[in-house]
Amino acid sequence: MAIPTAVNDQITDAVTQANVKVLAESPAMAMGAIYQTMAHSTGILFENAVSAQQQQNTLTQASTNQGVMQIYSMGTMADAAATEKVGQGGIADNLTSMLTVLQSFKG
């Protein structure tokens, strides 16, 4: 019961109860705000994880594509290497080197 004042006791009790109600609810409101913040942070965490997975998937597809392109071009690369060897080891070069050796025996 409130201390007797010029104000009606019922009014002072109502004001006191309203203040107690606000004070009693503040921890619950704070915890609610914390839970909302944690839920929002967790949502952003999952969004970032999905984004990273999508980027990794794109990189994986690109590297797989590059590997397949290299595998399919191996025949062409081998043909090019063989053609280069044949071109460098031509008959004219062999004849020139043989003529040089023969001329060195003459002199």
PDB file of N, CA and C in Angstrom:
ATOM      1  N   MET A   1       0.840  -1.171   0.000  1.00  0.00           N
ATOM      2  CA  MET A   1       0.000   0.000   0.000  1.00  0.00           C
ATOM      3  C   MET A   1       0.883   1.230   0.000  1.00  0.00           C
ATOM      4  N   ALA A   2       0.471   2.259  -0.734  1.00  0.00           N
ATOM      5  CA  ALA A   2       1.258   3.475  -0.861  1.00  0.00           C
ATOM      6  C   ALA A   2       1.143   4.329   0.398  1.00  0.00           C
ATOM      7  N   ILE A   3       2.113   5.194   0.572  1.00  0.00           N
ATOM      8  CA  ILE A   3       2.103   6.130   1.699  1.00  0.00           C
ATOM      9  C   ILE A   3       0.985   7.143   1.446  1.00  0.00           C
ATOM     10  N   PRO A   4       0.216   7.460   2.461  1.00  0.00           N
ATOM     11  CA  PRO A   4      -0.899   8.409   2.242  1.00  0.00           C
ATOM     12  C   PRO A   4      -0.389   9.772   1.788  1.00  0.00           C
ATOM     13  N   THR A   5      -0.916  10.228   0.653  1.00  0.00           N
ATOM     14  CA  THR A   5      -0.578  11.541   0.115  1.00  0.00           C
ATOM     15  C   THR A   5      -1.864  12.198  -0.318  1.00  0.00           C
ATOM     16  N   ALA A   6      -1.718  13.361  -0.936  1.00  0.00           N
ATOM     17  CA  ALA A   6      -2.894  14.076  -1.408  1.00  0.00           C
ATOM     18  C   ALA A   6      -3.497  13.384  -2.627  1.00  0.00           C
ATOM     19  N   VAL A   7      -2.773  12.445  -3.208  1.00  0.00           N
ATOM     20  CA  VAL A   7      -3.254  11.731  -4.377  1.00  0.00           C
ATOM     21  C   VAL A   7      -3.933  10.448  -3.903  1.00  0.00           C
ATOM     22  N   ASN A   8      -4.924  10.030  -4.636  1.00  0.00           N
ATOM     23  CA  ASN A   8      -5.657   8.836  -4.293  1.00  0.00           C
ATOM     24  C   ASN A   8      -4.712   7.632  -4.293  1.00  0.00           C
ATOM     25  N   ASP A   9      -4.893   6.709  -3.340  1.00  0.00           N
ATOM     26  CA  ASP A   9      -4.039   5.527  -3.224  1.00  0.00           C
ATOM     27  C   ASP A   9      -4.121   4.636  -4.461  1.00  0.00           C
ATOM     28  N   GLN A  10      -5.266   4.558  -5.076  1.00  0.00           N
ATOM     29  CA  GLN A  10      -5.418   3.726  -6.258  1.00  0.00           C
ATOM     30  C   GLN A  10      -4.574   4.255  -7.422  1.00  0.00           C
ATOM     31  N   ILE A  11      -4.468   5.575  -7.514  1.00  0.00           N
ATOM     32  CA  ILE A  11      -3.668   6.166  -8.597  1.00  0.00           C
ATOM     33  C   ILE A  11      -2.191   5.881  -8.374  1.00  0.00           C
ATOM     34  N   THR A  12      -1.713   6.082  -7.158  1.00  0.00           N
ATOM     35  CA  THR A  12      -0.305   5.819  -6.895  1.00  0.00           C
ATOM     36  C   THR A  12       0.020   4.329  -7.083  1.00  0.00           C
ATOM     37  N   ASP A  13      -0.886   3.457  -6.684  1.00  0.00           N
ATOM     38  CA  ASP A  13      -0.663   2.025  -6.902  1.00  0.00           C
ATOM     39  C   ASP A  13      -0.606   1.698  -8.399  1.00  0.00           C
ATOM     40  N   ALA A  14      -1.478   2.317  -9.180  1.00  0.00           N
ATOM     41  CA  ALA A  14      -1.503   2.052 -10.619  1.00  0.00           C
ATOM     42  C   ALA A  14      -0.211   2.529 -11.273  1.00  0.00           C
ATOM     43  N   VAL A  15       0.271   3.717 -10.882  1.00  0.00           N
ATOM     44  CA  VAL A  15       1.516   4.243 -11.445  1.00  0.00           C
ATOM     45  C   VAL A  15       2.688   3.358 -11.033  1.00  0.00           C
ATOM     46  N   THR A  16       2.711   2.937  -9.787  1.00  0.00           N
ATOM     47  CA  THR A  16       3.793   2.071  -9.308  1.00  0.00           C
ATOM     48  C   THR A  16       3.788   0.741 -10.062  1.00  0.00           C
ATOM     49  N   GLN A  17       2.621   0.183 -10.244  1.00  0.00           N
ATOM     50  CA  GLN A  17       2.537  -1.085 -10.969  1.00  0.00           C
ATOM     51  C   GLN A  17       2.952  -0.920 -12.430  1.00  0.00           C
ATOM     52  N   ALA A  18       2.626   0.215 -13.029  1.00  0.00           N
ATOM     53  CA  ALA A  18       3.029   0.450 -14.417  1.00  0.00           C
ATOM     54  C   ALA A  18       4.549   0.539 -14.515  1.00  0.00           C
ATOM     55  N   ASN A  19       5.161   1.230 -13.558  1.00  0.00           N
ATOM     56  CA  ASN A  19       6.623   1.335 -13.556  1.00  0.00           C
ATOM     57  C   ASN A  19       7.272  -0.024 -13.321  1.00  0.00           C
ATOM     58  N   VAL A  20       6.721  -0.806 -12.420  1.00  0.00           N
ATOM     59  CA  VAL A  20       7.261  -2.137 -12.159  1.00  0.00           C
ATOM     60  C   VAL A  20       7.108  -3.001 -13.405  1.00  0.00           C
ATOM     61  N   LYS A  21       5.964  -2.859 -14.099  1.00  0.00           N
ATOM     62  CA  LYS A  21       5.739  -3.641 -15.319  1.00  0.00           C
ATOM     63  C   LYS A  21       6.802  -3.311 -16.376  1.00  0.00           C
ATOM     64  N   VAL A  22       7.118  -2.022 -16.547  1.00  0.00           N
ATOM     65  CA  VAL A  22       8.132  -1.618 -17.521  1.00  0.00           C
ATOM     66  C   VAL A  22       9.491  -2.177 -17.128  1.00  0.00           C
ATOM     67  N   LEU A  23       9.835  -2.065 -15.865  1.00  0.00           N
ATOM     68  CA  LEU A  23      11.120  -2.590 -15.404  1.00  0.00           C
ATOM     69  C   LEU A  23      11.173  -4.112 -15.524  1.00  0.00           C
ATOM     70  N   ALA A  24      10.074  -4.774 -15.290  1.00  0.00           N
ATOM     71  CA  ALA A  24      10.053  -6.230 -15.359  1.00  0.00           C
ATOM     72  C   ALA A  24      10.151  -6.712 -16.803  1.00  0.00           C
ATOM     73  N   GLU A  25       9.621  -5.929 -17.744  1.00  0.00           N
ATOM     74  CA  GLU A  25       9.648  -6.338 -19.151  1.00  0.00           C
ATOM     75  C   GLU A  25      10.980  -6.037 -19.835  1.00  0.00           C
ATOM     76  N   SER A  26      11.783  -5.140 -19.309  1.00  0.00           N
ATOM     77  CA  SER A  26      12.999  -4.725 -20.010  1.00  0.00           C
ATOM     78  C   SER A  26      13.998  -5.871 -20.229  1.00  0.00           C
ATOM     79  N   PRO A  27      14.225  -6.786 -19.286  1.00  0.00           N
ATOM     80  CA  PRO A  27      15.120  -7.901 -19.607  1.00  0.00           C
ATOM     81  C   PRO A  27      14.585  -8.772 -20.754  1.00  0.00           C
ATOM     82  N   ALA A  28      13.284  -8.987 -20.766  1.00  0.00           N
ATOM     83  CA  ALA A  28      12.702  -9.778 -21.849  1.00  0.00           C
ATOM     84  C   ALA A  28      12.840  -9.060 -23.181  1.00  0.00           C
ATOM     85  N   MET A  29      12.644  -7.742 -23.186  1.00  0.00           N
ATOM     86  CA  MET A  29      12.797  -6.974 -24.421  1.00  0.00           C
ATOM     87  C   MET A  29      14.254  -7.011 -24.890  1.00  0.00           C
ATOM     88  N   ALA A  30      15.185  -6.909 -23.944  1.00  0.00           N
ATOM     89  CA  ALA A  30      16.600  -6.963 -24.308  1.00  0.00           C
ATOM     90  C   ALA A  30      16.948  -8.330 -24.888  1.00  0.00           C
ATOM     91  N   MET A  31      16.465  -9.386 -24.277  1.00  0.00           N
ATOM     92  CA  MET A  31      16.736 -10.720 -24.803  1.00  0.00           C
ATOM     93  C   MET A  31      16.095 -10.909 -26.176  1.00  0.00           C
ATOM     94  N   GLY A  32      14.906 -10.342 -26.351  1.00  0.00           N
ATOM     95  CA  GLY A  32      14.265 -10.409 -27.665  1.00  0.00           C
ATOM     96  C   GLY A  32      15.095  -9.710 -28.722  1.00  0.00           C
ATOM     97  N   ALA A  33      15.649  -8.560 -28.379  1.00  0.00           N
ATOM     98  CA  ALA A  33      16.506  -7.834 -29.326  1.00  0.00           C
ATOM     99  C   ALA A  33      17.777  -8.631 -29.627  1.00  0.00           C
ATOM    100  N   ILE A  34      18.339  -9.262 -28.601  1.00  0.00           N
ATOM    101  CA  ILE A  34      19.541 -10.074 -28.808  1.00  0.00           C
ATOM    102  C   ILE A  34      19.231 -11.254 -29.724  1.00  0.00           C
ATOM    103  N   TYR A  35      18.088 -11.921 -29.478  1.00  0.00           N
ATOM    104  CA  TYR A  35      17.715 -13.059 -30.326  1.00  0.00           C
ATOM    105  C   TYR A  35      17.483 -12.622 -31.770  1.00  0.00           C
ATOM    106  N   GLN A  36      16.870 -11.451 -31.961  1.00  0.00           N
ATOM    107  CA  GLN A  36      16.661 -10.954 -33.322  1.00  0.00           C
ATOM    108  C   GLN A  36      18.001 -10.675 -34.004  1.00  0.00           C
ATOM    109  N   THR A  37      18.922 -10.077 -33.267  1.00  0.00           N
ATOM    110  CA  THR A  37      20.248  -9.791 -33.828  1.00  0.00           C
ATOM    111  C   THR A  37      20.975 -11.077 -34.182  1.00  0.00           C
ATOM    112  N   MET A  38      20.897 -12.073 -33.305  1.00  0.00           N
ATOM    113  CA  MET A  38      21.549 -13.351 -33.592  1.00  0.00           C
ATOM    114  C   MET A  38      20.927 -14.031 -34.807  1.00  0.00           C
ATOM    115  N   ALA A  39      19.599 -13.965 -34.920  1.00  0.00           N
ATOM    116  CA  ALA A  39      18.935 -14.585 -36.075  1.00  0.00           C
ATOM    117  C   ALA A  39      19.332 -13.879 -37.361  1.00  0.00           C
ATOM    118  N   HIS A  40      19.430 -12.556 -37.306  1.00  0.00           N
ATOM    119  CA  HIS A  40      19.833 -11.795 -38.496  1.00  0.00           C
ATOM    120  C   HIS A  40      21.271 -12.124 -38.889  1.00  0.00           C
ATOM    121  N   SER A  41      22.155 -12.191 -37.896  1.00  0.00           N
ATOM    122  CA  SER A  41      23.558 -12.528 -38.165  1.00  0.00           C
ATOM    123  C   SER A  41      23.689 -13.933 -38.731  1.00  0.00           C
ATOM    124  N   THR A  42      22.908 -14.867 -38.209  1.00  0.00           N
ATOM    125  CA  THR A  42      22.941 -16.236 -38.730  1.00  0.00           C
ATOM    126  C   THR A  42      22.440 -16.272 -40.164  1.00  0.00           C
ATOM    127  N   GLY A  43      21.401 -15.492 -40.457  1.00  0.00           N
ATOM    128  CA  GLY A  43      20.906 -15.414 -41.834  1.00  0.00           C
ATOM    129  C   GLY A  43      21.958 -14.895 -42.791  1.00  0.00           C
ATOM    130  N   ILE A  44      22.678 -13.852 -42.386  1.00  0.00           N
ATOM    131  CA  ILE A  44      23.748 -13.311 -43.227  1.00  0.00           C
ATOM    132  C   ILE A  44      24.871 -14.335 -43.387  1.00  0.00           C
ATOM    133  N   LEU A  45      25.160 -15.072 -42.317  1.00  0.00           N
ATOM    134  CA  LEU A  45      26.180 -16.125 -42.387  1.00  0.00           C
ATOM    135  C   LEU A  45      25.826 -17.158 -43.449  1.00  0.00           C
ATOM    136  N   PHE A  46      24.568 -17.601 -43.456  1.00  0.00           N
ATOM    137  CA  PHE A  46      24.152 -18.591 -44.444  1.00  0.00           C
ATOM    138  C   PHE A  46      24.130 -18.005 -45.850  1.00  0.00           C
ATOM    139  N   GLU A  47      23.757 -16.728 -45.981  1.00  0.00           N
ATOM    140  CA  GLU A  47      23.793 -16.086 -47.302  1.00  0.00           C
ATOM    141  C   GLU A  47      25.219 -16.049 -47.839  1.00  0.00           C
ATOM    142  N   ASN A  48      26.164 -15.716 -46.979  1.00  0.00           N
ATOM    143  CA  ASN A  48      27.566 -15.686 -47.406  1.00  0.00           C
ATOM    144  C   ASN A  48      28.070 -17.086 -47.763  1.00  0.00           C
ATOM    145  N   ALA A  49      27.628 -18.093 -47.017  1.00  0.00           N
ATOM    146  CA  ALA A  49      28.047 -19.460 -47.315  1.00  0.00           C
ATOM    147  C   ALA A  49      27.513 -19.907 -48.676  1.00  0.00           C
ATOM    148  N   VAL A  50      26.263 -19.570 -48.967  1.00  0.00           N
ATOM    149  CA  VAL A  50      25.687 -19.934 -50.265  1.00  0.00           C
ATOM    150  C   VAL A  50      26.414 -19.204 -51.387  1.00  0.00           C
ATOM    151  N   SER A  51      26.716 -17.930 -51.170  1.00  0.00           N
ATOM    152  CA  SER A  51      27.434 -17.161 -52.188  1.00  0.00           C
ATOM    153  C   SER A  51      28.815 -17.760 -52.450  1.00  0.00           C
ATOM    154  N   ALA A  52      29.520 -18.135 -51.378  1.00  0.00           N
ATOM    155  CA  ALA A  52      30.847 -18.743 -51.550  1.00  0.00           C
ATOM    156  C   ALA A  52      30.747 -20.080 -52.283  1.00  0.00           C
ATOM    157  N   GLN A  53      29.707 -20.859 -51.986  1.00  0.00           N
ATOM    158  CA  GLN A  53      29.528 -22.133 -52.685  1.00  0.00           C
ATOM    159  C   GLN A  53      29.248 -21.911 -54.166  1.00  0.00           C
ATOM    160  N   GLN A  54      28.458 -20.889 -54.483  1.00  0.00           N
ATOM    161  CA  GLN A  54      28.168 -20.604 -55.887  1.00  0.00           C
ATOM    162  C   GLN A  54      29.435 -20.172 -56.620  1.00  0.00           C
ATOM    163  N   GLN A  55      30.233 -19.339 -55.978  1.00  0.00           N
ATOM    164  CA  GLN A  55      31.482 -18.905 -56.611  1.00  0.00           C
ATOM    165  C   GLN A  55      32.435 -20.086 -56.788  1.00  0.00           C
ATOM    166  N   GLN A  56      32.511 -20.966 -55.793  1.00  0.00           N
ATOM    167  CA  GLN A  56      33.371 -22.143 -55.897  1.00  0.00           C
ATOM    168  C   GLN A  56      32.888 -23.069 -57.011  1.00  0.00           C
ATOM    169  N   ASN A  57      31.572 -23.185 -57.149  1.00  0.00           N
ATOM    170  CA  ASN A  57      31.016 -24.011 -58.217  1.00  0.00           C
ATOM    171  C   ASN A  57      31.379 -23.443 -59.586  1.00  0.00           C
ATOM    172  N   THR A  58      31.332 -22.126 -59.719  1.00  0.00           N
ATOM    173  CA  THR A  58      31.713 -21.490 -60.982  1.00  0.00           C
ATOM    174  C   THR A  58      33.186 -21.733 -61.288  1.00  0.00           C
ATOM    175  N   LEU A  59      34.041 -21.593 -60.281  1.00  0.00           N
ATOM    176  CA  LEU A  59      35.470 -21.849 -60.482  1.00  0.00           C
ATOM    177  C   LEU A  59      35.721 -23.319 -60.847  1.00  0.00           C
ATOM    178  N   THR A  60      34.998 -24.217 -60.211  1.00  0.00           N
ATOM    179  CA  THR A  60      35.161 -25.638 -60.511  1.00  0.00           C
ATOM    180  C   THR A  60      34.763 -25.942 -61.948  1.00  0.00           C
ATOM    181  N   GLN A  61      33.649 -25.359 -62.386  1.00  0.00           N
ATOM    182  CA  GLN A  61      33.213 -25.582 -63.762  1.00  0.00           C
ATOM    183  C   GLN A  61      34.224 -25.018 -64.758  1.00  0.00           C
ATOM    184  N   ALA A  62      34.771 -23.837 -64.453  1.00  0.00           N
ATOM    185  CA  ALA A  62      35.743 -23.230 -65.360  1.00  0.00           C
ATOM    186  C   ALA A  62      37.022 -24.067 -65.438  1.00  0.00           C
ATOM    187  N   SER A  63      37.505 -24.531 -64.279  1.00  0.00           N
ATOM    188  CA  SER A  63      38.736 -25.330 -64.308  1.00  0.00           C
ATOM    189  C   SER A  63      38.503 -26.679 -64.979  1.00  0.00           C
ATOM    190  N   THR A  64      37.340 -27.274 -64.770  1.00  0.00           N
ATOM    191  CA  THR A  64      37.023 -28.529 -65.456  1.00  0.00           C
ATOM    192  C   THR A  64      36.973 -28.314 -66.964  1.00  0.00           C
ATOM    193  N   ASN A  65      36.376 -27.206 -67.368  1.00  0.00           N
ATOM    194  CA  ASN A  65      36.307 -26.880 -68.792  1.00  0.00           C
ATOM    195  C   ASN A  65      37.707 -26.713 -69.388  1.00  0.00           C
ATOM    196  N   GLN A  66      38.594 -26.024 -68.667  1.00  0.00           N
ATOM    197  CA  GLN A  66      39.963 -25.843 -69.150  1.00  0.00           C
ATOM    198  C   GLN A  66      40.682 -27.192 -69.267  1.00  0.00           C
ATOM    199  N   GLY A  67      40.488 -28.063 -68.268  1.00  0.00           N
ATOM    200  CA  GLY A  67      41.122 -29.374 -68.317  1.00  0.00           C
ATOM    201  C   GLY A  67      40.635 -30.206 -69.490  1.00  0.00           C
ATOM    202  N   VAL A  68      39.329 -30.181 -69.737  1.00  0.00           N
ATOM    203  CA  VAL A  68      38.789 -30.935 -70.870  1.00  0.00           C
ATOM    204  C   VAL A  68      39.303 -30.370 -72.184  1.00  0.00           C
ATOM    205  N   MET A  69      39.397 -29.048 -72.266  1.00  0.00           N
ATOM    206  CA  MET A  69      39.933 -28.434 -73.486  1.00  0.00           C
ATOM    207  C   MET A  69      41.379 -28.865 -73.715  1.00  0.00           C
ATOM    208  N   GLN A  70      42.178 -28.958 -72.655  1.00  0.00           N
ATOM    209  CA  GLN A  70      43.567 -29.400 -72.805  1.00  0.00           C
ATOM    210  C   GLN A  70      43.629 -30.868 -73.211  1.00  0.00           C
ATOM    211  N   ILE A  71      42.743 -31.682 -72.630  1.00  0.00           N
ATOM    212  CA  ILE A  71      42.745 -33.107 -72.998  1.00  0.00           C
ATOM    213  C   ILE A  71      42.386 -33.265 -74.472  1.00  0.00           C
ATOM    214  N   TYR A  72      41.361 -32.540 -74.927  1.00  0.00           N
ATOM    215  CA  TYR A  72      40.946 -32.658 -76.326  1.00  0.00           C
ATOM    216  C   TYR A  72      41.978 -32.080 -77.286  1.00  0.00           C
ATOM    217  N   SER A  73      42.799 -31.149 -76.835  1.00  0.00           N
ATOM    218  CA  SER A  73      43.785 -30.549 -77.737  1.00  0.00           C
ATOM    219  C   SER A  73      45.131 -31.261 -77.684  1.00  0.00           C
ATOM    220  N   MET A  74      45.239 -32.343 -76.898  1.00  0.00           N
ATOM    221  CA  MET A  74      46.517 -33.048 -76.804  1.00  0.00           C
ATOM    222  C   MET A  74      46.939 -33.627 -78.150  1.00  0.00           C
ATOM    223  N   GLY A  75      46.017 -34.182 -78.911  1.00  0.00           N
ATOM    224  CA  GLY A  75      46.346 -34.721 -80.219  1.00  0.00           C
ATOM    225  C   GLY A  75      46.878 -33.642 -81.138  1.00  0.00           C
ATOM    226  N   THR A  76      46.256 -32.503 -81.134  1.00  0.00           N
ATOM    227  CA  THR A  76      46.710 -31.388 -81.962  1.00  0.00           C
ATOM    228  C   THR A  76      48.080 -30.906 -81.522  1.00  0.00           C
ATOM    229  N   MET A  77      48.296 -30.852 -80.208  1.00  0.00           N
ATOM    230  CA  MET A  77      49.601 -30.403 -79.712  1.00  0.00           C
ATOM    231  C   MET A  77      50.692 -31.408 -80.079  1.00  0.00           C
ATOM    232  N   ALA A  78      50.378 -32.699 -79.997  1.00  0.00           N
ATOM    233  CA  ALA A  78      51.374 -33.714 -80.343  1.00  0.00           C
ATOM    234  C   ALA A  78      51.696 -33.640 -81.831  1.00  0.00           C
ATOM    235  N   ASP A  79      50.673 -33.434 -82.650  1.00  0.00           N
ATOM    236  CA  ASP A  79      50.911 -33.291 -84.089  1.00  0.00           C
ATOM    237  C   ASP A  79      51.779 -32.075 -84.382  1.00  0.00           C
ATOM    238  N   ALA A  80      51.518 -30.986 -83.690  1.00  0.00           N
ATOM    239  CA  ALA A  80      52.312 -29.779 -83.907  1.00  0.00           C
ATOM    240  C   ALA A  80      53.763 -30.002 -83.497  1.00  0.00           C
ATOM    241  N   ALA A  81      53.979 -30.693 -82.382  1.00  0.00           N
ATOM    242  CA  ALA A  81      55.351 -30.971 -81.939  1.00  0.00           C
ATOM    243  C   ALA A  81      56.077 -31.876 -82.933  1.00  0.00           C
ATOM    244  N   ALA A  82      55.378 -32.884 -83.418  1.00  0.00           N
ATOM    245  CA  ALA A  82      56.004 -33.783 -84.392  1.00  0.00           C
ATOM    246  C   ALA A  82      56.329 -33.043 -85.679  1.00  0.00           C
ATOM    247  N   THR A  83      55.428 -32.196 -86.130  1.00  0.00           N
ATOM    248  CA  THR A  83      55.669 -31.408 -87.339  1.00  0.00           C
ATOM    249  C   THR A  83      56.869 -30.491 -87.158  1.00  0.00           C
ATOM    250  N   GLU A  84      56.993 -29.918 -85.981  1.00  0.00           N
ATOM    251  CA  GLU A  84      58.136 -29.026 -85.715  1.00  0.00           C
ATOM    252  C   GLU A  84      59.440 -29.821 -85.742  1.00  0.00           C
ATOM    253  N   LYS A  85      59.443 -31.019 -85.166  1.00  0.00           N
ATOM    254  CA  LYS A  85      60.657 -31.834 -85.176  1.00  0.00           C
ATOM    255  C   LYS A  85      61.047 -32.215 -86.597  1.00  0.00           C
ATOM    256  N   VAL A  86      60.048 -32.574 -87.390  1.00  0.00           N
ATOM    257  CA  VAL A  86      60.343 -32.932 -88.771  1.00  0.00           C
ATOM    258  C   VAL A  86      60.864 -31.712 -89.528  1.00  0.00           C
ATOM    259  N   GLY A  87      60.267 -30.565 -89.248  1.00  0.00           N
ATOM    260  CA  GLY A  87      60.695 -29.335 -89.924  1.00  0.00           C
ATOM    261  C   GLY A  87      62.110 -28.940 -89.540  1.00  0.00           C
ATOM    262  N   GLN A  88      62.489 -29.144 -88.294  1.00  0.00           N
ATOM    263  CA  GLN A  88      63.831 -28.759 -87.858  1.00  0.00           C
ATOM    264  C   GLN A  88      64.871 -29.783 -88.297  1.00  0.00           C
ATOM    265  N   GLY A  89      64.497 -31.014 -88.372  1.00  0.00           N
ATOM    266  CA  GLY A  89      65.443 -32.058 -88.748  1.00  0.00           C
ATOM    267  C   GLY A  89      65.306 -32.408 -90.220  1.00  0.00           C
ATOM    268  N   GLY A  90      65.245 -31.430 -91.075  1.00  0.00           N
ATOM    269  CA  GLY A  90      65.009 -31.663 -92.489  1.00  0.00           C
ATOM    270  C   GLY A  90      66.235 -32.236 -93.199  1.00  0.00           C
ATOM    271  N   ILE A  91      66.034 -32.715 -94.420  1.00  0.00           N
ATOM    272  CA  ILE A  91      67.097 -33.334 -95.210  1.00  0.00           C
ATOM    273  C   ILE A  91      68.159 -32.320 -95.598  1.00  0.00           C
ATOM    274  N   ALA A  92      67.739 -31.110 -95.885  1.00  0.00           N
ATOM    275  CA  ALA A  92      68.717 -30.092 -96.293  1.00  0.00           C
ATOM    276  C   ALA A  92      69.724 -29.837 -95.181  1.00  0.00           C
ATOM    277  N   ASP A  93      69.293 -29.801 -93.939  1.00  0.00           N
ATOM    278  CA  ASP A  93      70.222 -29.597 -92.826  1.00  0.00           C
ATOM    279  C   ASP A  93      71.192 -30.762 -92.710  1.00  0.00           C
ATOM    280  N   ASN A  94      70.697 -31.973 -92.886  1.00  0.00           N
ATOM    281  CA  ASN A  94      71.571 -33.146 -92.811  1.00  0.00           C
ATOM    282  C   ASN A  94      72.615 -33.136 -93.930  1.00  0.00           C
ATOM    283  N   LEU A  95      72.185 -32.787 -95.152  1.00  0.00           N
ATOM    284  CA  LEU A  95      73.129 -32.732 -96.270  1.00  0.00           C
ATOM    285  C   LEU A  95      74.181 -31.655 -96.062  1.00  0.00           C
ATOM    286  N   THR A  96      73.784 -30.535 -95.559  1.00  0.00           N
ATOM    287  CA  THR A  96      74.730 -29.447 -95.305  1.00  0.00           C
ATOM    288  C   THR A  96      75.762 -29.869 -94.273  1.00  0.00           C
ATOM    289  N   SER A  97      75.331 -30.509 -93.202  1.00  0.00           N
ATOM    290  CA  SER A  97      76.287 -30.936 -92.175  1.00  0.00           C
ATOM    291  C   SER A  97      77.221 -32.020 -92.716  1.00  0.00           C
ATOM    292  N   MET A  98      76.690 -32.907 -93.583  1.00  0.00           N
ATOM    293  CA  MET A  98      77.559 -33.931 -94.166  1.00  0.00           C
ATOM    294  C   MET A  98      78.584 -33.313 -95.112  1.00  0.00           C
ATOM    295  N   LEU A  99      78.180 -32.337 -95.906  1.00  0.00           N
ATOM    296  CA  LEU A  99      79.128 -31.646 -96.788  1.00  0.00           C
ATOM    297  C   LEU A  99      80.190 -30.924 -95.990  1.00  0.00           C
ATOM    298  N   THR A 100      79.829 -30.356 -94.893  1.00  0.00           N
ATOM    299  CA  THR A 100      80.802 -29.656 -94.035  1.00  0.00           C
ATOM    300  C   THR A 100      81.831 -30.644 -93.506  1.00  0.00           C
ATOM    301  N   VAL A 101      81.373 -31.812 -93.069  1.00  0.00           N
ATOM    302  CA  VAL A 101      82.292 -32.835 -92.545  1.00  0.00           C
ATOM    303  C   VAL A 101      83.230 -33.302 -93.664  1.00  0.00           C
ATOM    304  N   LEU A 102      82.688 -33.543 -94.854  1.00  0.00           N
ATOM    305  CA  LEU A 102      83.531 -33.995 -95.979  1.00  0.00           C
ATOM    306  C   LEU A 102      84.558 -32.947 -96.370  1.00  0.00           C
ATOM    307  N   GLN A 103      84.188 -31.684 -96.378  1.00  0.00           N
ATOM    308  CA  GLN A 103      85.131 -30.616 -96.725  1.00  0.00           C
ATOM    309  C   GLN A 103      86.224 -30.512 -95.680  1.00  0.00           C
ATOM    310  N   SER A 104      85.881 -30.786 -94.406  1.00  0.00           N
ATOM    311  CA  SER A 104      86.927 -30.726 -93.380  1.00  0.00           C
ATOM    312  C   SER A 104      87.953 -31.839 -93.575  1.00  0.00           C
ATOM    313  N   PHE A 105      87.538 -33.011 -94.124  1.00  0.00           N
ATOM    314  CA  PHE A 105      88.487 -34.089 -94.405  1.00  0.00           C
ATOM    315  C   PHE A 105      89.403 -33.735 -95.594  1.00  0.00           C
ATOM    316  N   LYS A 106      88.900 -32.965 -96.556  1.00  0.00           N
ATOM    317  CA  LYS A 106      89.707 -32.570 -97.699  1.00  0.00           C
ATOM    318  C   LYS A 106      90.820 -31.620 -97.291  1.00  0.00           C
ATOM    319  N   GLY A 107      90.506 -30.714 -96.424  1.00  0.00           N
ATOM    320  CA  GLY A 107      91.440 -29.646 -96.083  1.00  0.00           C
ATOM    321  C   GLY A 107      92.437 -30.036 -95.104  1.00  0.00           C
TER     322      GLY A 107
END
